[in-house]
Amino acid sequence: MRNQPHTQHHSSTQSQNHPAWNKKDLGEIAKALGQLLDASLTIPGTTIKFGLDPLIGLIPGIGDVISNAIGSSLLFLATKAGVPRIVILRMSLNIVINMVVGAIPIIGDLFSIWFKSNLQNAQLLYRHCQRTALTPNLSDWMYVVSIVIGMLLLLGITGAVLFWLASSLLGLLGISE
């Protein structure tokens, strides 16, 4: 019988399944994405920072969908990094708040500049990536996918309600037929 240290075998198995550098890279990618979406530009003459998120949100009809889809990619990075579900839930709440308020034209884009949901989520993910964590399982992935689907449904319902309110208001004003 050989006397090989058990820890040596365990660490090599662990590094093959989930390399430490990969998790750190996910944290760095999250920081860069959050910065790009929420703080890459500055309003001239001020210290107010904003990013591509509110700019993409200005595209009529699909801007909010595109912006929130890009922001939701942080949830997939978080799952890959093994972030606990409670943190993913908090990240999802940030996206939902930004999505629902962001659906209101102009006001939503101004809110997005202030709220910076992507930067908040990137910071949550980055902090987690500085620690060791478990490898995500199928249940974790299904949890994130169901949250993203739920957010898309919520966005569709919010858009339908806003369209109905605008149509009703125009009808009351006698502007529409």
N, C-alpha and C. Protein backbone atom coordinates (compact mmCIF):
# COMPACT_ATOMS: atom_id res chain seq x y z
N MET A 1 0.83 -1.18 0.00
CA MET A 1 0.00 0.00 0.00
C MET A 1 0.88 1.25 0.00
N ARG A 2 0.61 2.17 -0.87
CA ARG A 2 1.39 3.41 -0.98
C ARG A 2 0.86 4.46 -0.01
N ASN A 3 1.75 5.31 0.40
CA ASN A 3 1.37 6.42 1.25
C ASN A 3 1.40 7.71 0.44
N GLN A 4 0.35 7.93 -0.33
CA GLN A 4 0.24 9.17 -1.10
C GLN A 4 -0.70 10.11 -0.36
N PRO A 5 -0.32 11.35 -0.27
CA PRO A 5 -1.22 12.30 0.39
C PRO A 5 -2.53 12.41 -0.37
N HIS A 6 -3.62 12.32 0.36
CA HIS A 6 -4.95 12.41 -0.24
C HIS A 6 -5.20 13.80 -0.81
N THR A 7 -4.64 14.83 -0.18
CA THR A 7 -4.90 16.19 -0.63
C THR A 7 -4.33 16.46 -2.02
N GLN A 8 -3.22 15.79 -2.33
CA GLN A 8 -2.64 16.02 -3.65
C GLN A 8 -3.58 15.54 -4.75
N HIS A 9 -4.16 14.36 -4.57
CA HIS A 9 -5.09 13.84 -5.56
C HIS A 9 -6.35 14.71 -5.63
N HIS A 10 -6.84 15.13 -4.47
CA HIS A 10 -8.07 15.95 -4.43
C HIS A 10 -7.86 17.29 -5.13
N SER A 11 -6.71 17.92 -4.89
CA SER A 11 -6.49 19.24 -5.50
C SER A 11 -6.36 19.14 -7.02
N SER A 12 -5.74 18.06 -7.52
CA SER A 12 -5.63 17.95 -8.97
C SER A 12 -7.00 17.70 -9.61
N THR A 13 -7.87 16.92 -8.93
CA THR A 13 -9.22 16.70 -9.43
C THR A 13 -10.00 18.00 -9.42
N GLN A 14 -9.84 18.75 -8.34
CA GLN A 14 -10.57 20.01 -8.22
C GLN A 14 -10.12 21.00 -9.30
N SER A 15 -8.80 21.07 -9.57
CA SER A 15 -8.34 22.04 -10.55
C SER A 15 -8.77 21.67 -11.96
N GLN A 16 -8.98 20.38 -12.24
CA GLN A 16 -9.45 19.98 -13.56
C GLN A 16 -10.91 20.36 -13.76
N ASN A 17 -11.72 20.27 -12.72
CA ASN A 17 -13.15 20.54 -12.85
C ASN A 17 -13.48 22.03 -12.76
N HIS A 18 -12.73 22.78 -11.98
CA HIS A 18 -13.07 24.18 -11.76
C HIS A 18 -11.80 24.97 -11.47
N PRO A 19 -11.07 25.37 -12.49
CA PRO A 19 -9.81 26.08 -12.25
C PRO A 19 -10.03 27.39 -11.53
N ALA A 20 -9.12 27.71 -10.60
CA ALA A 20 -9.24 28.94 -9.81
C ALA A 20 -9.18 30.18 -10.71
N TRP A 21 -8.35 30.17 -11.76
CA TRP A 21 -8.24 31.34 -12.62
C TRP A 21 -9.53 31.62 -13.36
N ASN A 22 -10.30 30.59 -13.67
CA ASN A 22 -11.54 30.77 -14.40
C ASN A 22 -12.52 31.62 -13.59
N LYS A 23 -12.61 31.35 -12.31
CA LYS A 23 -13.52 32.10 -11.46
C LYS A 23 -13.08 33.56 -11.35
N LYS A 24 -11.81 33.79 -11.21
CA LYS A 24 -11.29 35.16 -11.15
C LYS A 24 -11.57 35.89 -12.47
N ASP A 25 -11.41 35.18 -13.58
CA ASP A 25 -11.69 35.77 -14.89
C ASP A 25 -13.17 36.15 -15.01
N LEU A 26 -14.05 35.30 -14.49
CA LEU A 26 -15.49 35.62 -14.53
C LEU A 26 -15.76 36.91 -13.76
N GLY A 27 -15.10 37.07 -12.63
CA GLY A 27 -15.26 38.30 -11.85
C GLY A 27 -14.78 39.52 -12.61
N GLU A 28 -13.65 39.37 -13.30
CA GLU A 28 -13.11 40.48 -14.09
C GLU A 28 -14.02 40.80 -15.29
N ILE A 29 -14.54 39.77 -15.93
CA ILE A 29 -15.48 39.98 -17.05
C ILE A 29 -16.72 40.70 -16.55
N ALA A 30 -17.22 40.30 -15.39
CA ALA A 30 -18.41 40.94 -14.81
C ALA A 30 -18.14 42.42 -14.53
N LYS A 31 -16.98 42.72 -13.94
CA LYS A 31 -16.64 44.12 -13.66
C LYS A 31 -16.59 44.94 -14.94
N ALA A 32 -15.95 44.38 -15.97
CA ALA A 32 -15.83 45.10 -17.25
C ALA A 32 -17.21 45.32 -17.88
N LEU A 33 -18.06 44.30 -17.84
CA LEU A 33 -19.40 44.42 -18.42
C LEU A 33 -20.24 45.44 -17.65
N GLY A 34 -20.19 45.38 -16.33
CA GLY A 34 -20.92 46.36 -15.51
C GLY A 34 -20.46 47.77 -15.79
N GLN A 35 -19.15 47.96 -15.91
CA GLN A 35 -18.58 49.27 -16.21
C GLN A 35 -19.04 49.76 -17.57
N LEU A 36 -19.00 48.89 -18.57
CA LEU A 36 -19.42 49.25 -19.93
C LEU A 36 -20.89 49.65 -19.96
N LEU A 37 -21.73 48.90 -19.27
CA LEU A 37 -23.17 49.15 -19.32
C LEU A 37 -23.61 50.33 -18.46
N ASP A 38 -22.89 50.61 -17.36
CA ASP A 38 -23.41 51.61 -16.42
C ASP A 38 -22.46 52.77 -16.09
N ALA A 39 -21.19 52.70 -16.46
CA ALA A 39 -20.30 53.78 -16.00
C ALA A 39 -19.13 54.04 -16.94
N SER A 40 -19.29 53.80 -18.23
CA SER A 40 -18.18 53.97 -19.16
C SER A 40 -18.08 55.38 -19.73
N LEU A 41 -19.12 56.17 -19.59
CA LEU A 41 -19.13 57.53 -20.14
C LEU A 41 -19.46 58.53 -19.03
N THR A 42 -19.07 59.77 -19.23
CA THR A 42 -19.35 60.83 -18.26
C THR A 42 -20.05 61.97 -18.97
N ILE A 43 -21.09 62.50 -18.34
CA ILE A 43 -21.77 63.68 -18.90
C ILE A 43 -20.79 64.85 -18.77
N PRO A 44 -20.44 65.49 -19.90
CA PRO A 44 -19.45 66.58 -19.86
C PRO A 44 -19.81 67.67 -18.85
N GLY A 45 -18.80 68.07 -18.11
CA GLY A 45 -18.97 69.13 -17.12
C GLY A 45 -19.54 68.65 -15.79
N THR A 46 -19.76 67.34 -15.66
CA THR A 46 -20.29 66.78 -14.41
C THR A 46 -19.47 65.56 -14.01
N THR A 47 -19.82 65.00 -12.88
CA THR A 47 -19.20 63.73 -12.46
C THR A 47 -20.18 62.58 -12.64
N ILE A 48 -21.29 62.83 -13.35
CA ILE A 48 -22.32 61.81 -13.55
C ILE A 48 -21.86 60.83 -14.63
N LYS A 49 -21.78 59.56 -14.22
CA LYS A 49 -21.36 58.51 -15.15
C LYS A 49 -22.57 57.71 -15.60
N PHE A 50 -22.51 57.25 -16.84
CA PHE A 50 -23.53 56.37 -17.39
C PHE A 50 -22.85 55.47 -18.40
N GLY A 51 -23.60 54.51 -18.91
CA GLY A 51 -23.00 53.58 -19.87
C GLY A 51 -23.94 53.30 -21.03
N LEU A 52 -23.74 52.16 -21.65
CA LEU A 52 -24.54 51.81 -22.82
C LEU A 52 -25.98 51.43 -22.46
N ASP A 53 -26.22 50.98 -21.23
CA ASP A 53 -27.56 50.54 -20.83
C ASP A 53 -28.63 51.60 -21.10
N PRO A 54 -28.51 52.82 -20.57
CA PRO A 54 -29.56 53.80 -20.87
C PRO A 54 -29.59 54.23 -22.33
N LEU A 55 -28.45 54.18 -23.01
CA LEU A 55 -28.43 54.54 -24.43
C LEU A 55 -29.16 53.50 -25.27
N ILE A 56 -28.91 52.23 -24.99
CA ILE A 56 -29.61 51.16 -25.71
C ILE A 56 -31.10 51.22 -25.40
N GLY A 57 -31.43 51.57 -24.15
CA GLY A 57 -32.82 51.67 -23.73
C GLY A 57 -33.61 52.72 -24.49
N LEU A 58 -32.93 53.65 -25.13
CA LEU A 58 -33.61 54.69 -25.91
C LEU A 58 -34.15 54.17 -27.24
N ILE A 59 -33.70 53.00 -27.69
CA ILE A 59 -34.19 52.45 -28.96
C ILE A 59 -35.65 52.05 -28.76
N PRO A 60 -36.57 52.65 -29.51
CA PRO A 60 -38.00 52.36 -29.30
C PRO A 60 -38.34 50.89 -29.53
N GLY A 61 -39.11 50.35 -28.64
CA GLY A 61 -39.62 48.98 -28.79
C GLY A 61 -38.70 47.89 -28.30
N ILE A 62 -37.46 47.87 -28.78
CA ILE A 62 -36.58 46.75 -28.43
C ILE A 62 -35.40 47.14 -27.53
N GLY A 63 -35.21 48.40 -27.29
CA GLY A 63 -34.05 48.85 -26.50
C GLY A 63 -33.99 48.24 -25.12
N ASP A 64 -35.12 48.25 -24.42
CA ASP A 64 -35.15 47.69 -23.06
C ASP A 64 -34.93 46.18 -23.08
N VAL A 65 -35.45 45.51 -24.07
CA VAL A 65 -35.26 44.06 -24.18
C VAL A 65 -33.78 43.74 -24.39
N ILE A 66 -33.13 44.45 -25.30
CA ILE A 66 -31.71 44.23 -25.58
C ILE A 66 -30.88 44.54 -24.33
N SER A 67 -31.15 45.68 -23.73
CA SER A 67 -30.40 46.11 -22.56
C SER A 67 -30.52 45.11 -21.42
N ASN A 68 -31.74 44.64 -21.16
CA ASN A 68 -31.94 43.68 -20.07
C ASN A 68 -31.39 42.30 -20.40
N ALA A 69 -31.39 41.93 -21.67
CA ALA A 69 -30.79 40.65 -22.06
C ALA A 69 -29.28 40.68 -21.81
N ILE A 70 -28.65 41.79 -22.15
CA ILE A 70 -27.21 41.92 -21.90
C ILE A 70 -26.94 41.90 -20.39
N GLY A 71 -27.76 42.63 -19.63
CA GLY A 71 -27.61 42.64 -18.17
C GLY A 71 -27.85 41.28 -17.55
N SER A 72 -28.75 40.51 -18.14
CA SER A 72 -29.05 39.16 -17.64
C SER A 72 -27.88 38.21 -17.84
N SER A 73 -26.98 38.54 -18.75
CA SER A 73 -25.82 37.68 -18.95
C SER A 73 -24.98 37.59 -17.67
N LEU A 74 -25.07 38.60 -16.82
CA LEU A 74 -24.38 38.55 -15.54
C LEU A 74 -24.93 37.42 -14.66
N LEU A 75 -26.22 37.11 -14.82
CA LEU A 75 -26.80 35.99 -14.06
C LEU A 75 -26.18 34.66 -14.49
N PHE A 76 -25.94 34.52 -15.79
CA PHE A 76 -25.33 33.29 -16.28
C PHE A 76 -23.87 33.19 -15.82
N LEU A 77 -23.16 34.32 -15.82
CA LEU A 77 -21.79 34.32 -15.29
C LEU A 77 -21.79 33.97 -13.81
N ALA A 78 -22.78 34.49 -13.07
CA ALA A 78 -22.88 34.21 -11.64
C ALA A 78 -23.13 32.73 -11.39
N THR A 79 -23.96 32.12 -12.20
CA THR A 79 -24.23 30.69 -12.05
C THR A 79 -22.96 29.89 -12.35
N LYS A 80 -22.26 30.27 -13.40
CA LYS A 80 -21.02 29.58 -13.75
C LYS A 80 -19.99 29.70 -12.63
N ALA A 81 -20.00 30.84 -11.94
CA ALA A 81 -19.05 31.06 -10.85
C ALA A 81 -19.49 30.40 -9.54
N GLY A 82 -20.69 29.81 -9.52
CA GLY A 82 -21.15 29.13 -8.31
C GLY A 82 -21.69 30.08 -7.25
N VAL A 83 -22.21 31.22 -7.67
CA VAL A 83 -22.76 32.19 -6.73
C VAL A 83 -24.00 31.59 -6.07
N PRO A 84 -24.15 31.75 -4.75
CA PRO A 84 -25.34 31.21 -4.07
C PRO A 84 -26.64 31.79 -4.63
N ARG A 85 -27.70 31.01 -4.57
CA ARG A 85 -28.98 31.43 -5.14
C ARG A 85 -29.50 32.72 -4.54
N ILE A 86 -29.24 32.95 -3.26
CA ILE A 86 -29.75 34.18 -2.64
C ILE A 86 -29.09 35.41 -3.28
N VAL A 87 -27.83 35.30 -3.67
CA VAL A 87 -27.15 36.41 -4.34
C VAL A 87 -27.70 36.57 -5.77
N ILE A 88 -27.95 35.44 -6.43
CA ILE A 88 -28.55 35.49 -7.77
C ILE A 88 -29.94 36.11 -7.69
N LEU A 89 -30.69 35.81 -6.64
CA LEU A 89 -32.00 36.42 -6.45
C LEU A 89 -31.87 37.92 -6.27
N ARG A 90 -30.89 38.35 -5.50
CA ARG A 90 -30.66 39.79 -5.31
C ARG A 90 -30.29 40.45 -6.64
N MET A 91 -29.43 39.78 -7.41
CA MET A 91 -29.06 40.32 -8.72
C MET A 91 -30.29 40.41 -9.63
N SER A 92 -31.14 39.40 -9.57
CA SER A 92 -32.36 39.38 -10.38
C SER A 92 -33.28 40.53 -10.00
N LEU A 93 -33.38 40.78 -8.70
CA LEU A 93 -34.22 41.89 -8.24
C LEU A 93 -33.71 43.21 -8.79
N ASN A 94 -32.39 43.39 -8.82
CA ASN A 94 -31.83 44.61 -9.41
C ASN A 94 -32.23 44.74 -10.87
N ILE A 95 -32.18 43.64 -11.60
CA ILE A 95 -32.55 43.67 -13.03
C ILE A 95 -34.04 43.97 -13.19
N VAL A 96 -34.87 43.33 -12.37
CA VAL A 96 -36.32 43.54 -12.47
C VAL A 96 -36.68 45.00 -12.18
N ILE A 97 -36.08 45.57 -11.13
CA ILE A 97 -36.36 46.98 -10.80
C ILE A 97 -35.96 47.86 -11.98
N ASN A 98 -34.77 47.64 -12.52
CA ASN A 98 -34.31 48.43 -13.66
C ASN A 98 -35.20 48.22 -14.89
N MET A 99 -35.68 46.99 -15.07
CA MET A 99 -36.50 46.65 -16.23
C MET A 99 -37.87 47.30 -16.14
N VAL A 100 -38.51 47.20 -14.99
CA VAL A 100 -39.87 47.74 -14.85
C VAL A 100 -39.86 49.26 -14.93
N VAL A 101 -38.96 49.90 -14.19
CA VAL A 101 -38.91 51.36 -14.25
C VAL A 101 -38.36 51.80 -15.60
N GLY A 102 -37.43 51.02 -16.17
CA GLY A 102 -36.85 51.36 -17.47
C GLY A 102 -37.84 51.31 -18.62
N ALA A 103 -38.97 50.64 -18.42
CA ALA A 103 -39.98 50.56 -19.48
C ALA A 103 -40.72 51.89 -19.65
N ILE A 104 -40.58 52.79 -18.69
CA ILE A 104 -41.21 54.10 -18.80
C ILE A 104 -40.29 54.99 -19.63
N PRO A 105 -40.78 55.47 -20.78
CA PRO A 105 -39.91 56.27 -21.65
C PRO A 105 -39.29 57.46 -20.93
N ILE A 106 -38.06 57.75 -21.22
CA ILE A 106 -37.22 58.82 -20.71
C ILE A 106 -36.98 58.68 -19.20
N ILE A 107 -38.02 58.61 -18.40
CA ILE A 107 -37.87 58.48 -16.94
C ILE A 107 -37.08 57.21 -16.61
N GLY A 108 -37.39 56.13 -17.32
CA GLY A 108 -36.70 54.87 -17.09
C GLY A 108 -35.22 54.96 -17.42
N ASP A 109 -34.88 55.69 -18.46
CA ASP A 109 -33.47 55.83 -18.83
C ASP A 109 -32.73 56.69 -17.82
N LEU A 110 -33.38 57.73 -17.31
CA LEU A 110 -32.77 58.54 -16.25
C LEU A 110 -32.60 57.71 -14.97
N PHE A 111 -33.58 56.89 -14.67
CA PHE A 111 -33.50 56.00 -13.51
C PHE A 111 -32.33 55.03 -13.66
N SER A 112 -32.15 54.51 -14.85
CA SER A 112 -31.06 53.57 -15.12
C SER A 112 -29.69 54.22 -14.89
N ILE A 113 -29.57 55.49 -15.25
CA ILE A 113 -28.31 56.22 -15.01
C ILE A 113 -28.04 56.31 -13.52
N TRP A 114 -29.08 56.50 -12.73
CA TRP A 114 -28.93 56.62 -11.27
C TRP A 114 -28.76 55.26 -10.59
N PHE A 115 -29.59 54.28 -10.97
CA PHE A 115 -29.66 53.00 -10.26
C PHE A 115 -28.46 52.09 -10.53
N LYS A 116 -28.00 52.04 -11.78
CA LYS A 116 -26.82 51.25 -12.18
C LYS A 116 -26.92 49.78 -11.75
N SER A 117 -27.98 49.11 -12.18
CA SER A 117 -28.20 47.71 -11.78
C SER A 117 -27.08 46.78 -12.25
N ASN A 118 -26.55 47.02 -13.42
CA ASN A 118 -25.49 46.15 -13.94
C ASN A 118 -24.21 46.28 -13.13
N LEU A 119 -23.89 47.50 -12.74
CA LEU A 119 -22.70 47.72 -11.93
C LEU A 119 -22.87 47.10 -10.54
N GLN A 120 -24.08 47.22 -9.97
CA GLN A 120 -24.35 46.57 -8.68
C GLN A 120 -24.18 45.06 -8.80
N ASN A 121 -24.75 44.48 -9.85
CA ASN A 121 -24.65 43.03 -10.05
C ASN A 121 -23.22 42.59 -10.31
N ALA A 122 -22.48 43.37 -11.07
CA ALA A 122 -21.09 43.03 -11.35
C ALA A 122 -20.27 43.04 -10.05
N GLN A 123 -20.56 44.00 -9.17
CA GLN A 123 -19.84 44.07 -7.90
C GLN A 123 -20.19 42.88 -7.01
N LEU A 124 -21.46 42.48 -7.00
CA LEU A 124 -21.85 41.29 -6.22
C LEU A 124 -21.11 40.06 -6.74
N LEU A 125 -21.08 39.90 -8.05
CA LEU A 125 -20.41 38.75 -8.66
C LEU A 125 -18.91 38.80 -8.42
N TYR A 126 -18.32 39.96 -8.59
CA TYR A 126 -16.87 40.10 -8.39
C TYR A 126 -16.48 39.74 -6.96
N ARG A 127 -17.26 40.25 -5.99
CA ARG A 127 -16.97 39.93 -4.58
C ARG A 127 -17.03 38.43 -4.35
N HIS A 128 -18.03 37.79 -4.94
CA HIS A 128 -18.15 36.34 -4.76
C HIS A 128 -16.98 35.61 -5.41
N CYS A 129 -16.52 36.09 -6.54
CA CYS A 129 -15.43 35.42 -7.25
C CYS A 129 -14.09 35.52 -6.52
N GLN A 130 -14.02 36.35 -5.51
CA GLN A 130 -12.80 36.44 -4.71
C GLN A 130 -12.74 35.33 -3.68
N ARG A 131 -13.84 34.60 -3.49
CA ARG A 131 -13.93 33.51 -2.51
C ARG A 131 -13.99 32.18 -3.24
N THR A 132 -13.85 31.10 -2.48
CA THR A 132 -14.03 29.77 -3.05
C THR A 132 -15.50 29.40 -2.96
N ALA A 133 -15.97 28.63 -3.92
CA ALA A 133 -17.39 28.26 -3.95
C ALA A 133 -17.56 26.88 -4.56
N LEU A 134 -18.77 26.40 -4.45
CA LEU A 134 -19.13 25.12 -5.04
C LEU A 134 -19.36 25.27 -6.54
N THR A 135 -19.24 24.18 -7.25
CA THR A 135 -19.53 24.15 -8.68
C THR A 135 -21.05 24.13 -8.87
N PRO A 136 -21.60 24.94 -9.79
CA PRO A 136 -23.04 24.95 -9.98
C PRO A 136 -23.55 23.62 -10.54
N ASN A 137 -24.77 23.27 -10.16
CA ASN A 137 -25.36 22.05 -10.67
C ASN A 137 -26.56 22.39 -11.56
N LEU A 138 -27.22 21.37 -12.10
CA LEU A 138 -28.35 21.57 -13.01
C LEU A 138 -29.45 22.40 -12.35
N SER A 139 -29.68 22.18 -11.09
CA SER A 139 -30.71 22.92 -10.35
C SER A 139 -30.40 24.42 -10.35
N ASP A 140 -29.12 24.79 -10.18
CA ASP A 140 -28.73 26.20 -10.20
C ASP A 140 -29.01 26.82 -11.57
N TRP A 141 -28.67 26.09 -12.64
CA TRP A 141 -28.90 26.60 -13.99
C TRP A 141 -30.39 26.75 -14.27
N MET A 142 -31.19 25.78 -13.84
CA MET A 142 -32.64 25.85 -14.06
C MET A 142 -33.23 27.03 -13.29
N TYR A 143 -32.71 27.30 -12.12
CA TYR A 143 -33.16 28.44 -11.31
C TYR A 143 -32.92 29.75 -12.06
N VAL A 144 -31.72 29.91 -12.60
CA VAL A 144 -31.40 31.14 -13.33
C VAL A 144 -32.22 31.26 -14.61
N VAL A 145 -32.37 30.18 -15.35
CA VAL A 145 -33.16 30.22 -16.59
C VAL A 145 -34.61 30.59 -16.27
N SER A 146 -35.17 30.04 -15.19
CA SER A 146 -36.55 30.37 -14.84
C SER A 146 -36.68 31.83 -14.43
N ILE A 147 -35.68 32.38 -13.76
CA ILE A 147 -35.71 33.80 -13.40
C ILE A 147 -35.67 34.67 -14.65
N VAL A 148 -34.80 34.33 -15.59
CA VAL A 148 -34.70 35.11 -16.84
C VAL A 148 -36.00 35.04 -17.62
N ILE A 149 -36.60 33.85 -17.73
CA ILE A 149 -37.89 33.72 -18.43
C ILE A 149 -38.96 34.54 -17.72
N GLY A 150 -38.98 34.49 -16.40
CA GLY A 150 -39.94 35.28 -15.63
C GLY A 150 -39.75 36.77 -15.86
N MET A 151 -38.49 37.22 -15.94
CA MET A 151 -38.23 38.64 -16.19
C MET A 151 -38.70 39.04 -17.59
N LEU A 152 -38.50 38.17 -18.56
CA LEU A 152 -38.96 38.48 -19.92
C LEU A 152 -40.48 38.57 -19.97
N LEU A 153 -41.16 37.66 -19.26
CA LEU A 153 -42.62 37.73 -19.18
C LEU A 153 -43.07 39.02 -18.50
N LEU A 154 -42.39 39.37 -17.41
CA LEU A 154 -42.71 40.62 -16.71
C LEU A 154 -42.50 41.83 -17.61
N LEU A 155 -41.43 41.81 -18.39
CA LEU A 155 -41.18 42.91 -19.32
C LEU A 155 -42.29 42.98 -20.37
N GLY A 156 -42.72 41.83 -20.88
CA GLY A 156 -43.82 41.81 -21.86
C GLY A 156 -45.12 42.33 -21.28
N ILE A 157 -45.42 41.92 -20.06
CA ILE A 157 -46.64 42.39 -19.39
C ILE A 157 -46.56 43.88 -19.13
N THR A 158 -45.40 44.35 -18.68
CA THR A 158 -45.22 45.79 -18.42
C THR A 158 -45.40 46.58 -19.71
N GLY A 159 -44.82 46.10 -20.80
CA GLY A 159 -44.98 46.78 -22.09
C GLY A 159 -46.42 46.80 -22.55
N ALA A 160 -47.13 45.68 -22.36
CA ALA A 160 -48.54 45.62 -22.76
C ALA A 160 -49.38 46.58 -21.93
N VAL A 161 -49.11 46.66 -20.63
CA VAL A 161 -49.86 47.58 -19.77
C VAL A 161 -49.58 49.03 -20.16
N LEU A 162 -48.31 49.35 -20.42
CA LEU A 162 -47.98 50.71 -20.83
C LEU A 162 -48.63 51.06 -22.17
N PHE A 163 -48.65 50.11 -23.11
CA PHE A 163 -49.30 50.33 -24.40
C PHE A 163 -50.79 50.56 -24.20
N TRP A 164 -51.42 49.74 -23.36
CA TRP A 164 -52.85 49.87 -23.09
C TRP A 164 -53.14 51.22 -22.44
N LEU A 165 -52.31 51.63 -21.47
CA LEU A 165 -52.52 52.93 -20.81
C LEU A 165 -52.38 54.08 -21.81
N ALA A 166 -51.36 54.00 -22.66
CA ALA A 166 -51.17 55.06 -23.65
C ALA A 166 -52.32 55.10 -24.64
N SER A 167 -52.79 53.94 -25.09
CA SER A 167 -53.93 53.88 -26.02
C SER A 167 -55.19 54.42 -25.37
N SER A 168 -55.41 54.06 -24.12
CA SER A 168 -56.59 54.54 -23.40
C SER A 168 -56.55 56.05 -23.21
N LEU A 169 -55.37 56.55 -22.86
CA LEU A 169 -55.23 57.99 -22.68
C LEU A 169 -55.46 58.73 -23.98
N LEU A 170 -54.90 58.22 -25.07
CA LEU A 170 -55.13 58.85 -26.37
C LEU A 170 -56.60 58.78 -26.76
N GLY A 171 -57.27 57.66 -26.43
CA GLY A 171 -58.70 57.53 -26.72
C GLY A 171 -59.53 58.53 -25.92
N LEU A 172 -59.17 58.71 -24.64
CA LEU A 172 -59.89 59.69 -23.82
C LEU A 172 -59.70 61.10 -24.31
N LEU A 173 -58.52 61.38 -24.85
CA LEU A 173 -58.25 62.70 -25.38
C LEU A 173 -58.83 62.90 -26.78
N GLY A 174 -59.36 61.82 -27.36
CA GLY A 174 -59.95 61.90 -28.68
C GLY A 174 -58.95 61.95 -29.80
N ILE A 175 -57.72 61.53 -29.52
CA ILE A 175 -56.67 61.58 -30.53
C ILE A 175 -56.71 60.35 -31.44
N SER A 176 -57.05 59.19 -30.87
CA SER A 176 -57.09 57.99 -31.69
C SER A 176 -58.51 57.71 -32.16
N GLU A 177 -58.62 56.82 -33.15
CA GLU A 177 -59.93 56.54 -33.72
C GLU A 177 -60.72 55.62 -32.87
